């Protein structure tokens, strides 16, 4: 079902689908929250991330789509097998459609060993 929802043509959902097909782990929350709440939080995060010279794949688009959606959404996470990427996805309240997706580079602490 998740593969069908990620069958969009934007770069982030294409990359998320590829990660999922490569064995990525995922979770989708049962709880829905207002899309405006998520849009506001990620608009702030996007500004901070850009201060460090990083442009997350699809985050600006995700913020815009969440604002346009204007209804509650369910969040989901996909973690790539190599643990380098996390995909943050938002779905309609009933889980029947993808609203938006972004890819974030995971911060991994170097092992002291």
PDB file of N, CA and C in Angstrom:
ATOM      1  N   UNK A   1       0.826  -1.197   0.000  1.00  0.00           N
ATOM      2  CA  UNK A   1       0.000   0.000   0.000  1.00  0.00           C
ATOM      3  C   UNK A   1       0.870   1.260   0.000  1.00  0.00           C
ATOM      4  N   UNK A   2       1.915   1.271   0.846  1.00  0.00           N
ATOM      5  CA  UNK A   2       2.790   2.435   0.933  1.00  0.00           C
ATOM      6  C   UNK A   2       3.489   2.688  -0.411  1.00  0.00           C
ATOM      7  N   UNK A   3       3.884   1.631  -1.097  1.00  0.00           N
ATOM      8  CA  UNK A   3       4.511   1.802  -2.409  1.00  0.00           C
ATOM      9  C   UNK A   3       3.567   2.504  -3.383  1.00  0.00           C
ATOM     10  N   UNK A   4       2.295   2.163  -3.350  1.00  0.00           N
ATOM     11  CA  UNK A   4       1.327   2.810  -4.241  1.00  0.00           C
ATOM     12  C   UNK A   4       1.198   4.294  -3.916  1.00  0.00           C
ATOM     13  N   UNK A   5       1.233   4.639  -2.619  1.00  0.00           N
ATOM     14  CA  UNK A   5       1.098   6.035  -2.212  1.00  0.00           C
ATOM     15  C   UNK A   5       2.306   6.871  -2.626  1.00  0.00           C
ATOM     16  N   UNK A   6       3.465   6.250  -2.716  1.00  0.00           N
ATOM     17  CA  UNK A   6       4.694   6.967  -3.058  1.00  0.00           C
ATOM     18  C   UNK A   6       4.959   7.018  -4.556  1.00  0.00           C
ATOM     19  N   UNK A   7       4.004   6.662  -5.346  1.00  0.00           N
ATOM     20  CA  UNK A   7       4.191   6.602  -6.800  1.00  0.00           C
ATOM     21  C   UNK A   7       4.035   7.966  -7.471  1.00  0.00           C
ATOM     22  N   UNK A   8       4.488   9.025  -6.803  1.00  0.00           N
ATOM     23  CA  UNK A   8       4.424  10.369  -7.380  1.00  0.00           C
ATOM     24  C   UNK A   8       5.590  10.624  -8.309  1.00  0.00           C
ATOM     25  N   UNK A   9       5.647  11.847  -8.837  1.00  0.00           N
ATOM     26  CA  UNK A   9       6.729  12.170  -9.761  1.00  0.00           C
ATOM     27  C   UNK A   9       7.710  13.192  -9.198  1.00  0.00           C
ATOM     28  N   UNK A  10       7.525  13.587  -7.932  1.00  0.00           N
ATOM     29  CA  UNK A  10       8.498  14.513  -7.344  1.00  0.00           C
ATOM     30  C   UNK A  10       9.719  13.719  -6.858  1.00  0.00           C
ATOM     31  N   UNK A  11      10.860  14.384  -6.788  1.00  0.00           N
ATOM     32  CA  UNK A  11      12.125  13.718  -6.454  1.00  0.00           C
ATOM     33  C   UNK A  11      12.111  13.024  -5.098  1.00  0.00           C
ATOM     34  N   UNK A  12      11.505  13.665  -4.101  1.00  0.00           N
ATOM     35  CA  UNK A  12      11.529  13.096  -2.758  1.00  0.00           C
ATOM     36  C   UNK A  12      10.727  11.800  -2.673  1.00  0.00           C
ATOM     37  N   UNK A  13       9.533  11.766  -3.237  1.00  0.00           N
ATOM     38  CA  UNK A  13       8.739  10.541  -3.157  1.00  0.00           C
ATOM     39  C   UNK A  13       9.327   9.435  -4.041  1.00  0.00           C
ATOM     40  N   UNK A  14       9.957   9.790  -5.157  1.00  0.00           N
ATOM     41  CA  UNK A  14      10.642   8.802  -5.996  1.00  0.00           C
ATOM     42  C   UNK A  14      11.796   8.177  -5.206  1.00  0.00           C
ATOM     43  N   UNK A  15      12.570   9.022  -4.514  1.00  0.00           N
ATOM     44  CA  UNK A  15      13.687   8.523  -3.701  1.00  0.00           C
ATOM     45  C   UNK A  15      13.178   7.691  -2.522  1.00  0.00           C
ATOM     46  N   UNK A  16      12.071   8.108  -1.917  1.00  0.00           N
ATOM     47  CA  UNK A  16      11.491   7.347  -0.800  1.00  0.00           C
ATOM     48  C   UNK A  16      11.028   5.976  -1.269  1.00  0.00           C
ATOM     49  N   UNK A  17      10.406   5.917  -2.422  1.00  0.00           N
ATOM     50  CA  UNK A  17       9.956   4.646  -2.982  1.00  0.00           C
ATOM     51  C   UNK A  17      11.142   3.732  -3.257  1.00  0.00           C
ATOM     52  N   UNK A  18      12.218   4.276  -3.816  1.00  0.00           N
ATOM     53  CA  UNK A  18      13.418   3.481  -4.073  1.00  0.00           C
ATOM     54  C   UNK A  18      14.004   2.940  -2.773  1.00  0.00           C
ATOM     55  N   UNK A  19      14.032   3.774  -1.735  1.00  0.00           N
ATOM     56  CA  UNK A  19      14.540   3.325  -0.440  1.00  0.00           C
ATOM     57  C   UNK A  19      13.664   2.208   0.129  1.00  0.00           C
ATOM     58  N   UNK A  20      12.361   2.378   0.029  1.00  0.00           N
ATOM     59  CA  UNK A  20      11.428   1.373   0.525  1.00  0.00           C
ATOM     60  C   UNK A  20      11.631   0.045  -0.206  1.00  0.00           C
ATOM     61  N   UNK A  21      11.776   0.104  -1.502  1.00  0.00           N
ATOM     62  CA  UNK A  21      11.987  -1.115  -2.301  1.00  0.00           C
ATOM     63  C   UNK A  21      13.342  -1.756  -2.038  1.00  0.00           C
ATOM     64  N   UNK A  22      14.267  -0.984  -1.468  1.00  0.00           N
ATOM     65  CA  UNK A  22      15.594  -1.508  -1.128  1.00  0.00           C
ATOM     66  C   UNK A  22      15.651  -2.078   0.284  1.00  0.00           C
ATOM     67  N   UNK A  23      14.517  -2.105   0.954  1.00  0.00           N
ATOM     68  CA  UNK A  23      14.476  -2.708   2.292  1.00  0.00           C
ATOM     69  C   UNK A  23      14.438  -1.739   3.451  1.00  0.00           C
ATOM     70  N   UNK A  24      14.141  -0.485   3.188  1.00  0.00           N
ATOM     71  CA  UNK A  24      14.062   0.514   4.260  1.00  0.00           C
ATOM     72  C   UNK A  24      12.967   0.140   5.262  1.00  0.00           C
ATOM     73  N   UNK A  25      13.145   0.590   6.491  1.00  0.00           N
ATOM     74  CA  UNK A  25      12.116   0.404   7.501  1.00  0.00           C
ATOM     75  C   UNK A  25      11.198   1.616   7.489  1.00  0.00           C
ATOM     76  N   UNK A  26       9.974   1.436   7.959  1.00  0.00           N
ATOM     77  CA  UNK A  26       9.035   2.552   7.946  1.00  0.00           C
ATOM     78  C   UNK A  26       8.028   2.433   9.079  1.00  0.00           C
ATOM     79  N   UNK A  27       7.473   3.580   9.441  1.00  0.00           N
ATOM     80  CA  UNK A  27       6.366   3.660  10.386  1.00  0.00           C
ATOM     81  C   UNK A  27       5.413   4.728   9.885  1.00  0.00           C
ATOM     82  N   UNK A  28       4.137   4.515  10.125  1.00  0.00           N
ATOM     83  CA  UNK A  28       3.118   5.512   9.822  1.00  0.00           C
ATOM     84  C   UNK A  28       2.274   5.657  11.073  1.00  0.00           C
ATOM     85  N   UNK A  29       2.116   6.874  11.529  1.00  0.00           N
ATOM     86  CA  UNK A  29       1.366   7.125  12.760  1.00  0.00           C
ATOM     87  C   UNK A  29      -0.133   6.948  12.543  1.00  0.00           C
ATOM     88  N   UNK A  30      -0.799   6.538  13.604  1.00  0.00           N
ATOM     89  CA  UNK A  30      -2.255   6.395  13.586  1.00  0.00           C
ATOM     90  C   UNK A  30      -2.952   7.716  13.898  1.00  0.00           C
ATOM     91  N   UNK A  31      -2.208   8.644  14.494  1.00  0.00           N
ATOM     92  CA  UNK A  31      -2.764   9.915  14.944  1.00  0.00           C
ATOM     93  C   UNK A  31      -2.646  10.964  13.838  1.00  0.00           C
ATOM     94  N   UNK A  32      -3.686  11.753  13.677  1.00  0.00           N
ATOM     95  CA  UNK A  32      -3.661  12.864  12.712  1.00  0.00           C
ATOM     96  C   UNK A  32      -3.530  14.178  13.459  1.00  0.00           C
ATOM     97  N   UNK A  33      -2.779  15.103  12.865  1.00  0.00           N
ATOM     98  CA  UNK A  33      -2.607  16.440  13.428  1.00  0.00           C
ATOM     99  C   UNK A  33      -2.840  17.462  12.319  1.00  0.00           C
ATOM    100  N   UNK A  34      -3.144  18.712  12.679  1.00  0.00           N
ATOM    101  CA  UNK A  34      -3.373  19.740  11.660  1.00  0.00           C
ATOM    102  C   UNK A  34      -2.150  19.934  10.761  1.00  0.00           C
ATOM    103  N   UNK A  35      -2.373  19.990   9.468  1.00  0.00           N
ATOM    104  CA  UNK A  35      -1.264  20.160   8.527  1.00  0.00           C
ATOM    105  C   UNK A  35      -0.556  21.494   8.738  1.00  0.00           C
ATOM    106  N   UNK A  36      -1.292  22.527   9.153  1.00  0.00           N
ATOM    107  CA  UNK A  36      -0.692  23.839   9.384  1.00  0.00           C
ATOM    108  C   UNK A  36       0.357  23.780  10.485  1.00  0.00           C
ATOM    109  N   UNK A  37       0.122  22.940  11.485  1.00  0.00           N
ATOM    110  CA  UNK A  37       1.074  22.782  12.586  1.00  0.00           C
ATOM    111  C   UNK A  37       2.399  22.237  12.048  1.00  0.00           C
ATOM    112  N   UNK A  38       2.338  21.206  11.229  1.00  0.00           N
ATOM    113  CA  UNK A  38       3.551  20.631  10.646  1.00  0.00           C
ATOM    114  C   UNK A  38       4.224  21.625   9.699  1.00  0.00           C
ATOM    115  N   UNK A  39       3.443  22.322   8.901  1.00  0.00           N
ATOM    116  CA  UNK A  39       4.001  23.292   7.956  1.00  0.00           C
ATOM    117  C   UNK A  39       4.781  24.376   8.688  1.00  0.00           C
ATOM    118  N   UNK A  40       4.249  24.872   9.785  1.00  0.00           N
ATOM    119  CA  UNK A  40       4.928  25.910  10.554  1.00  0.00           C
ATOM    120  C   UNK A  40       6.239  25.437  11.137  1.00  0.00           C
ATOM    121  N   UNK A  41       6.239  24.245  11.710  1.00  0.00           N
ATOM    122  CA  UNK A  41       7.456  23.688  12.302  1.00  0.00           C
ATOM    123  C   UNK A  41       8.530  23.499  11.236  1.00  0.00           C
ATOM    124  N   UNK A  42       8.149  22.936  10.088  1.00  0.00           N
ATOM    125  CA  UNK A  42       9.147  22.655   9.065  1.00  0.00           C
ATOM    126  C   UNK A  42       9.565  23.887   8.283  1.00  0.00           C
ATOM    127  N   UNK A  43       8.764  24.914   8.258  1.00  0.00           N
ATOM    128  CA  UNK A  43       9.203  26.181   7.663  1.00  0.00           C
ATOM    129  C   UNK A  43      10.357  26.759   8.494  1.00  0.00           C
ATOM    130  N   UNK A  44      10.232  26.688   9.820  1.00  0.00           N
ATOM    131  CA  UNK A  44      11.314  27.150  10.700  1.00  0.00           C
ATOM    132  C   UNK A  44      12.560  26.286  10.543  1.00  0.00           C
ATOM    133  N   UNK A  45      12.372  24.971  10.517  1.00  0.00           N
ATOM    134  CA  UNK A  45      13.515  24.066  10.356  1.00  0.00           C
ATOM    135  C   UNK A  45      14.213  24.291   9.019  1.00  0.00           C
ATOM    136  N   UNK A  46      13.443  24.536   7.984  1.00  0.00           N
ATOM    137  CA  UNK A  46      14.033  24.775   6.674  1.00  0.00           C
ATOM    138  C   UNK A  46      14.931  26.009   6.699  1.00  0.00           C
ATOM    139  N   UNK A  47      14.476  27.069   7.342  1.00  0.00           N
ATOM    140  CA  UNK A  47      15.302  28.281   7.442  1.00  0.00           C
ATOM    141  C   UNK A  47      16.606  27.992   8.183  1.00  0.00           C
ATOM    142  N   UNK A  48      16.511  27.237   9.286  1.00  0.00           N
ATOM    143  CA  UNK A  48      17.722  26.918  10.056  1.00  0.00           C
ATOM    144  C   UNK A  48      18.667  26.015   9.271  1.00  0.00           C
ATOM    145  N   UNK A  49      18.124  25.041   8.590  1.00  0.00           N
ATOM    146  CA  UNK A  49      18.952  24.123   7.804  1.00  0.00           C
ATOM    147  C   UNK A  49      19.669  24.882   6.698  1.00  0.00           C
ATOM    148  N   UNK A  50      18.981  25.793   6.067  1.00  0.00           N
ATOM    149  CA  UNK A  50      19.588  26.577   4.979  1.00  0.00           C
ATOM    150  C   UNK A  50      20.727  27.456   5.481  1.00  0.00           C
ATOM    151  N   UNK A  51      20.666  27.880   6.745  1.00  0.00           N
ATOM    152  CA  UNK A  51      21.765  28.670   7.317  1.00  0.00           C
ATOM    153  C   UNK A  51      23.064  27.871   7.320  1.00  0.00           C
ATOM    154  N   UNK A  52      22.955  26.559   7.320  1.00  0.00           N
ATOM    155  CA  UNK A  52      24.128  25.680   7.287  1.00  0.00           C
ATOM    156  C   UNK A  52      24.488  25.269   5.866  1.00  0.00           C
ATOM    157  N   UNK A  53      23.838  25.887   4.882  1.00  0.00           N
ATOM    158  CA  UNK A  53      24.158  25.611   3.494  1.00  0.00           C
ATOM    159  C   UNK A  53      23.597  24.306   2.957  1.00  0.00           C
ATOM    160  N   UNK A  54      22.564  23.785   3.597  1.00  0.00           N
ATOM    161  CA  UNK A  54      21.977  22.512   3.172  1.00  0.00           C
ATOM    162  C   UNK A  54      20.592  22.773   2.596  1.00  0.00           C
ATOM    163  N   UNK A  55      20.278  22.086   1.502  1.00  0.00           N
ATOM    164  CA  UNK A  55      18.949  22.190   0.891  1.00  0.00           C
ATOM    165  C   UNK A  55      18.328  20.789   0.889  1.00  0.00           C
ATOM    166  N   UNK A  56      17.449  20.505   1.878  1.00  0.00           N
ATOM    167  CA  UNK A  56      16.827  19.185   1.935  1.00  0.00           C
ATOM    168  C   UNK A  56      15.924  18.944   0.722  1.00  0.00           C
ATOM    169  N   UNK A  57      15.984  17.749   0.201  1.00  0.00           N
ATOM    170  CA  UNK A  57      15.228  17.396  -0.988  1.00  0.00           C
ATOM    171  C   UNK A  57      13.725  17.436  -0.715  1.00  0.00           C
ATOM    172  N   UNK A  58      13.048  18.387  -1.322  1.00  0.00           N
ATOM    173  CA  UNK A  58      11.594  18.454  -1.253  1.00  0.00           C
ATOM    174  C   UNK A  58      10.995  19.139  -0.040  1.00  0.00           C
ATOM    175  N   UNK A  59      11.802  19.714   0.847  1.00  0.00           N
ATOM    176  CA  UNK A  59      11.220  20.293   2.062  1.00  0.00           C
ATOM    177  C   UNK A  59      10.416  21.555   1.776  1.00  0.00           C
ATOM    178  N   UNK A  60      10.918  22.414   0.922  1.00  0.00           N
ATOM    179  CA  UNK A  60      10.169  23.632   0.604  1.00  0.00           C
ATOM    180  C   UNK A  60       8.814  23.259  -0.015  1.00  0.00           C
ATOM    181  N   UNK A  61       8.822  22.296  -0.903  1.00  0.00           N
ATOM    182  CA  UNK A  61       7.587  21.813  -1.532  1.00  0.00           C
ATOM    183  C   UNK A  61       6.661  21.201  -0.480  1.00  0.00           C
ATOM    184  N   UNK A  62       7.236  20.431   0.457  1.00  0.00           N
ATOM    185  CA  UNK A  62       6.433  19.808   1.502  1.00  0.00           C
ATOM    186  C   UNK A  62       5.710  20.867   2.342  1.00  0.00           C
ATOM    187  N   UNK A  63       6.423  21.914   2.731  1.00  0.00           N
ATOM    188  CA  UNK A  63       5.818  22.983   3.526  1.00  0.00           C
ATOM    189  C   UNK A  63       4.667  23.625   2.756  1.00  0.00           C
ATOM    190  N   UNK A  64       4.897  23.909   1.485  1.00  0.00           N
ATOM    191  CA  UNK A  64       3.850  24.517   0.658  1.00  0.00           C
ATOM    192  C   UNK A  64       2.630  23.601   0.534  1.00  0.00           C
ATOM    193  N   UNK A  65       2.855  22.326   0.269  1.00  0.00           N
ATOM    194  CA  UNK A  65       1.741  21.385   0.108  1.00  0.00           C
ATOM    195  C   UNK A  65       0.961  21.183   1.405  1.00  0.00           C
ATOM    196  N   UNK A  66       1.667  21.166   2.534  1.00  0.00           N
ATOM    197  CA  UNK A  66       0.969  21.040   3.816  1.00  0.00           C
ATOM    198  C   UNK A  66       0.088  22.258   4.076  1.00  0.00           C
ATOM    199  N   UNK A  67       0.598  23.437   3.755  1.00  0.00           N
ATOM    200  CA  UNK A  67      -0.212  24.653   3.929  1.00  0.00           C
ATOM    201  C   UNK A  67      -1.429  24.631   3.014  1.00  0.00           C
ATOM    202  N   UNK A  68      -1.234  24.221   1.783  1.00  0.00           N
ATOM    203  CA  UNK A  68      -2.343  24.159   0.835  1.00  0.00           C
ATOM    204  C   UNK A  68      -3.380  23.104   1.218  1.00  0.00           C
ATOM    205  N   UNK A  69      -2.917  22.007   1.797  1.00  0.00           N
ATOM    206  CA  UNK A  69      -3.827  20.904   2.152  1.00  0.00           C
ATOM    207  C   UNK A  69      -4.859  21.369   3.180  1.00  0.00           C
ATOM    208  N   UNK A  70      -4.408  22.034   4.233  1.00  0.00           N
ATOM    209  CA  UNK A  70      -5.315  22.648   5.199  1.00  0.00           C
ATOM    210  C   UNK A  70      -6.182  21.715   6.032  1.00  0.00           C
ATOM    211  N   UNK A  71      -5.913  20.432   5.987  1.00  0.00           N
ATOM    212  CA  UNK A  71      -6.678  19.458   6.777  1.00  0.00           C
ATOM    213  C   UNK A  71      -5.705  18.586   7.553  1.00  0.00           C
ATOM    214  N   UNK A  72      -6.187  17.842   8.545  1.00  0.00           N
ATOM    215  CA  UNK A  72      -5.284  16.978   9.312  1.00  0.00           C
ATOM    216  C   UNK A  72      -4.553  15.967   8.430  1.00  0.00           C
ATOM    217  N   UNK A  73      -3.339  15.634   8.855  1.00  0.00           N
ATOM    218  CA  UNK A  73      -2.506  14.667   8.141  1.00  0.00           C
ATOM    219  C   UNK A  73      -1.923  13.662   9.129  1.00  0.00           C
ATOM    220  N   UNK A  74      -1.543  12.528   8.587  1.00  0.00           N
ATOM    221  CA  UNK A  74      -0.837  11.494   9.349  1.00  0.00           C
ATOM    222  C   UNK A  74       0.602  11.469   8.886  1.00  0.00           C
ATOM    223  N   UNK A  75       1.527  11.426   9.822  1.00  0.00           N
ATOM    224  CA  UNK A  75       2.945  11.417   9.480  1.00  0.00           C
ATOM    225  C   UNK A  75       3.507  10.024   9.378  1.00  0.00           C
ATOM    226  N   UNK A  76       4.545   9.893   8.577  1.00  0.00           N
ATOM    227  CA  UNK A  76       5.251   8.628   8.448  1.00  0.00           C
ATOM    228  C   UNK A  76       6.728   8.875   8.234  1.00  0.00           C
ATOM    229  N   UNK A  77       7.538   7.896   8.626  1.00  0.00           N
ATOM    230  CA  UNK A  77       8.984   7.968   8.455  1.00  0.00           C
ATOM    231  C   UNK A  77       9.471   6.731   7.725  1.00  0.00           C
ATOM    232  N   UNK A  78      10.409   6.937   6.825  1.00  0.00           N
ATOM    233  CA  UNK A  78      11.077   5.833   6.146  1.00  0.00           C
ATOM    234  C   UNK A  78      12.571   6.038   6.384  1.00  0.00           C
ATOM    235  N   UNK A  79      13.232   5.047   6.956  1.00  0.00           N
ATOM    236  CA  UNK A  79      14.672   5.120   7.215  1.00  0.00           C
ATOM    237  C   UNK A  79      15.401   4.198   6.249  1.00  0.00           C
ATOM    238  N   UNK A  80      16.308   4.769   5.478  1.00  0.00           N
ATOM    239  CA  UNK A  80      17.038   3.979   4.485  1.00  0.00           C
ATOM    240  C   UNK A  80      17.851   2.885   5.161  1.00  0.00           C
ATOM    241  N   UNK A  81      18.119   1.836   4.407  1.00  0.00           N
ATOM    242  CA  UNK A  81      18.860   0.691   4.927  1.00  0.00           C
ATOM    243  C   UNK A  81      20.227   1.113   5.439  1.00  0.00           C
ATOM    244  N   UNK A  82      20.903   2.013   4.729  1.00  0.00           N
ATOM    245  CA  UNK A  82      22.241   2.449   5.142  1.00  0.00           C
ATOM    246  C   UNK A  82      22.208   3.505   6.251  1.00  0.00           C
ATOM    247  N   UNK A  83      21.005   3.866   6.703  1.00  0.00           N
ATOM    248  CA  UNK A  83      20.806   4.829   7.795  1.00  0.00           C
ATOM    249  C   UNK A  83      21.308   6.237   7.462  1.00  0.00           C
ATOM    250  N   UNK A  84      21.511   6.549   6.182  1.00  0.00           N
ATOM    251  CA  UNK A  84      21.969   7.887   5.787  1.00  0.00           C
ATOM    252  C   UNK A  84      20.815   8.855   5.606  1.00  0.00           C
ATOM    253  N   UNK A  85      19.616   8.339   5.280  1.00  0.00           N
ATOM    254  CA  UNK A  85      18.488   9.197   4.941  1.00  0.00           C
ATOM    255  C   UNK A  85      17.246   8.818   5.714  1.00  0.00           C
ATOM    256  N   UNK A  86      16.486   9.834   6.047  1.00  0.00           N
ATOM    257  CA  UNK A  86      15.137   9.646   6.575  1.00  0.00           C
ATOM    258  C   UNK A  86      14.198  10.400   5.650  1.00  0.00           C
ATOM    259  N   UNK A  87      13.126   9.749   5.296  1.00  0.00           N
ATOM    260  CA  UNK A  87      12.090  10.380   4.478  1.00  0.00           C
ATOM    261  C   UNK A  87      10.911  10.655   5.380  1.00  0.00           C
ATOM    262  N   UNK A  88      10.470  11.868   5.387  1.00  0.00           N
ATOM    263  CA  UNK A  88       9.325  12.284   6.179  1.00  0.00           C
ATOM    264  C   UNK A  88       8.159  12.442   5.213  1.00  0.00           C
ATOM    265  N   UNK A  89       7.103  11.685   5.464  1.00  0.00           N
ATOM    266  CA  UNK A  89       5.955  11.688   4.568  1.00  0.00           C
ATOM    267  C   UNK A  89       4.699  12.064   5.338  1.00  0.00           C
ATOM    268  N   UNK A  90       3.827  12.774   4.675  1.00  0.00           N
ATOM    269  CA  UNK A  90       2.527  13.109   5.247  1.00  0.00           C
ATOM    270  C   UNK A  90       1.439  12.597   4.330  1.00  0.00           C
ATOM    271  N   UNK A  91       0.443  11.970   4.947  1.00  0.00           N
ATOM    272  CA  UNK A  91      -0.658  11.355   4.230  1.00  0.00           C
ATOM    273  C   UNK A  91      -1.972  11.992   4.659  1.00  0.00           C
ATOM    274  N   UNK A  92      -2.988  11.852   3.824  1.00  0.00           N
ATOM    275  CA  UNK A  92      -4.318  12.331   4.205  1.00  0.00           C
ATOM    276  C   UNK A  92      -4.742  11.632   5.489  1.00  0.00           C
ATOM    277  N   UNK A  93      -5.705  12.214   6.161  1.00  0.00           N
ATOM    278  CA  UNK A  93      -6.143  11.691   7.465  1.00  0.00           C
ATOM    279  C   UNK A  93      -6.571  10.223   7.389  1.00  0.00           C
ATOM    280  N   UNK A  94      -7.200   9.836   6.298  1.00  0.00           N
ATOM    281  CA  UNK A  94      -7.622   8.442   6.153  1.00  0.00           C
ATOM    282  C   UNK A  94      -6.527   7.547   5.584  1.00  0.00           C
ATOM    283  N   UNK A  95      -5.369   8.114   5.273  1.00  0.00           N
ATOM    284  CA  UNK A  95      -4.234   7.347   4.774  1.00  0.00           C
ATOM    285  C   UNK A  95      -4.356   6.915   3.324  1.00  0.00           C
ATOM    286  N   UNK A  96      -5.264   7.510   2.591  1.00  0.00           N
ATOM    287  CA  UNK A  96      -5.506   7.066   1.218  1.00  0.00           C
ATOM    288  C   UNK A  96      -4.649   7.773   0.161  1.00  0.00           C
ATOM    289  N   UNK A  97      -3.953   8.849   0.546  1.00  0.00           N
ATOM    290  CA  UNK A  97      -3.152   9.588  -0.443  1.00  0.00           C
ATOM    291  C   UNK A  97      -1.958  10.263   0.233  1.00  0.00           C
ATOM    292  N   UNK A  98      -0.892  10.411  -0.529  1.00  0.00           N
ATOM    293  CA  UNK A  98       0.282  11.146  -0.081  1.00  0.00           C
ATOM    294  C   UNK A  98       0.023  12.634  -0.259  1.00  0.00           C
ATOM    295  N   UNK A  99       0.285  13.419   0.784  1.00  0.00           N
ATOM    296  CA  UNK A  99       0.165  14.872   0.697  1.00  0.00           C
ATOM    297  C   UNK A  99       1.520  15.468   0.334  1.00  0.00           C
ATOM    298  N   UNK A 100       2.577  15.025   1.023  1.00  0.00           N
ATOM    299  CA  UNK A 100       3.901  15.599   0.792  1.00  0.00           C
ATOM    300  C   UNK A 100       4.980  14.681   1.342  1.00  0.00           C
ATOM    301  N   UNK A 101       6.206  14.866   0.824  1.00  0.00           N
ATOM    302  CA  UNK A 101       7.338  14.039   1.232  1.00  0.00           C
ATOM    303  C   UNK A 101       8.613  14.857   1.122  1.00  0.00           C
ATOM    304  N   UNK A 102       9.561  14.611   2.021  1.00  0.00           N
ATOM    305  CA  UNK A 102      10.871  15.240   1.965  1.00  0.00           C
ATOM    306  C   UNK A 102      11.924  14.226   2.383  1.00  0.00           C
ATOM    307  N   UNK A 103      13.161  14.478   1.977  1.00  0.00           N
ATOM    308  CA  UNK A 103      14.281  13.619   2.380  1.00  0.00           C
ATOM    309  C   UNK A 103      15.240  14.441   3.226  1.00  0.00           C
ATOM    310  N   UNK A 104      15.628  13.876   4.352  1.00  0.00           N
ATOM    311  CA  UNK A 104      16.557  14.530   5.261  1.00  0.00           C
ATOM    312  C   UNK A 104      17.772  13.640   5.480  1.00  0.00           C
ATOM    313  N   UNK A 105      18.943  14.245   5.493  1.00  0.00           N
ATOM    314  CA  UNK A 105      20.155  13.494   5.798  1.00  0.00           C
ATOM    315  C   UNK A 105      20.191  13.273   7.299  1.00  0.00           C
ATOM    316  N   UNK A 106      20.427  12.042   7.698  1.00  0.00           N
ATOM    317  CA  UNK A 106      20.493  11.724   9.124  1.00  0.00           C
ATOM    318  C   UNK A 106      21.872  12.074   9.659  1.00  0.00           C
ATOM    319  N   UNK A 107      21.873  12.580  10.866  1.00  0.00           N
ATOM    320  CA  UNK A 107      23.130  12.868  11.542  1.00  0.00           C
ATOM    321  C   UNK A 107      23.558  11.595  12.239  1.00  0.00           C
ATOM    322  N   UNK A 108      24.711  11.077  11.876  1.00  0.00           N
ATOM    323  CA  UNK A 108      25.227   9.842  12.476  1.00  0.00           C
ATOM    324  C   UNK A 108      26.543  10.162  13.148  1.00  0.00           C
ATOM    325  N   UNK A 109      26.586   9.891  14.448  1.00  0.00           N
ATOM    326  CA  UNK A 109      27.818  10.115  15.204  1.00  0.00           C
ATOM    327  C   UNK A 109      28.851   9.076  14.798  1.00  0.00           C
ATOM    328  N   UNK A 110      30.102   9.517  14.537  1.00  0.00           N
ATOM    329  CA  UNK A 110      31.145   8.544  14.235  1.00  0.00           C
ATOM    330  C   UNK A 110      31.403   7.653  15.452  1.00  0.00           C
ATOM    331  N   UNK A 111      31.601   6.408  15.200  1.00  0.00           N
ATOM    332  CA  UNK A 111      31.877   5.465  16.280  1.00  0.00           C
ATOM    333  C   UNK A 111      33.259   5.725  16.871  1.00  0.00           C
ATOM    334  N   UNK A 112      33.384   5.709  18.203  1.00  0.00           N
ATOM    335  CA  UNK A 112      34.694   5.921  18.816  1.00  0.00           C
ATOM    336  C   UNK A 112      35.603   4.698  18.667  1.00  0.00           C
ATOM    337  N   UNK A 113      35.051   3.596  18.173  1.00  0.00           N
ATOM    338  CA  UNK A 113      35.851   2.371  18.033  1.00  0.00           C
ATOM    339  C   UNK A 113      36.532   2.275  16.708  1.00  0.00           C
TER     340      UNK A 113
END
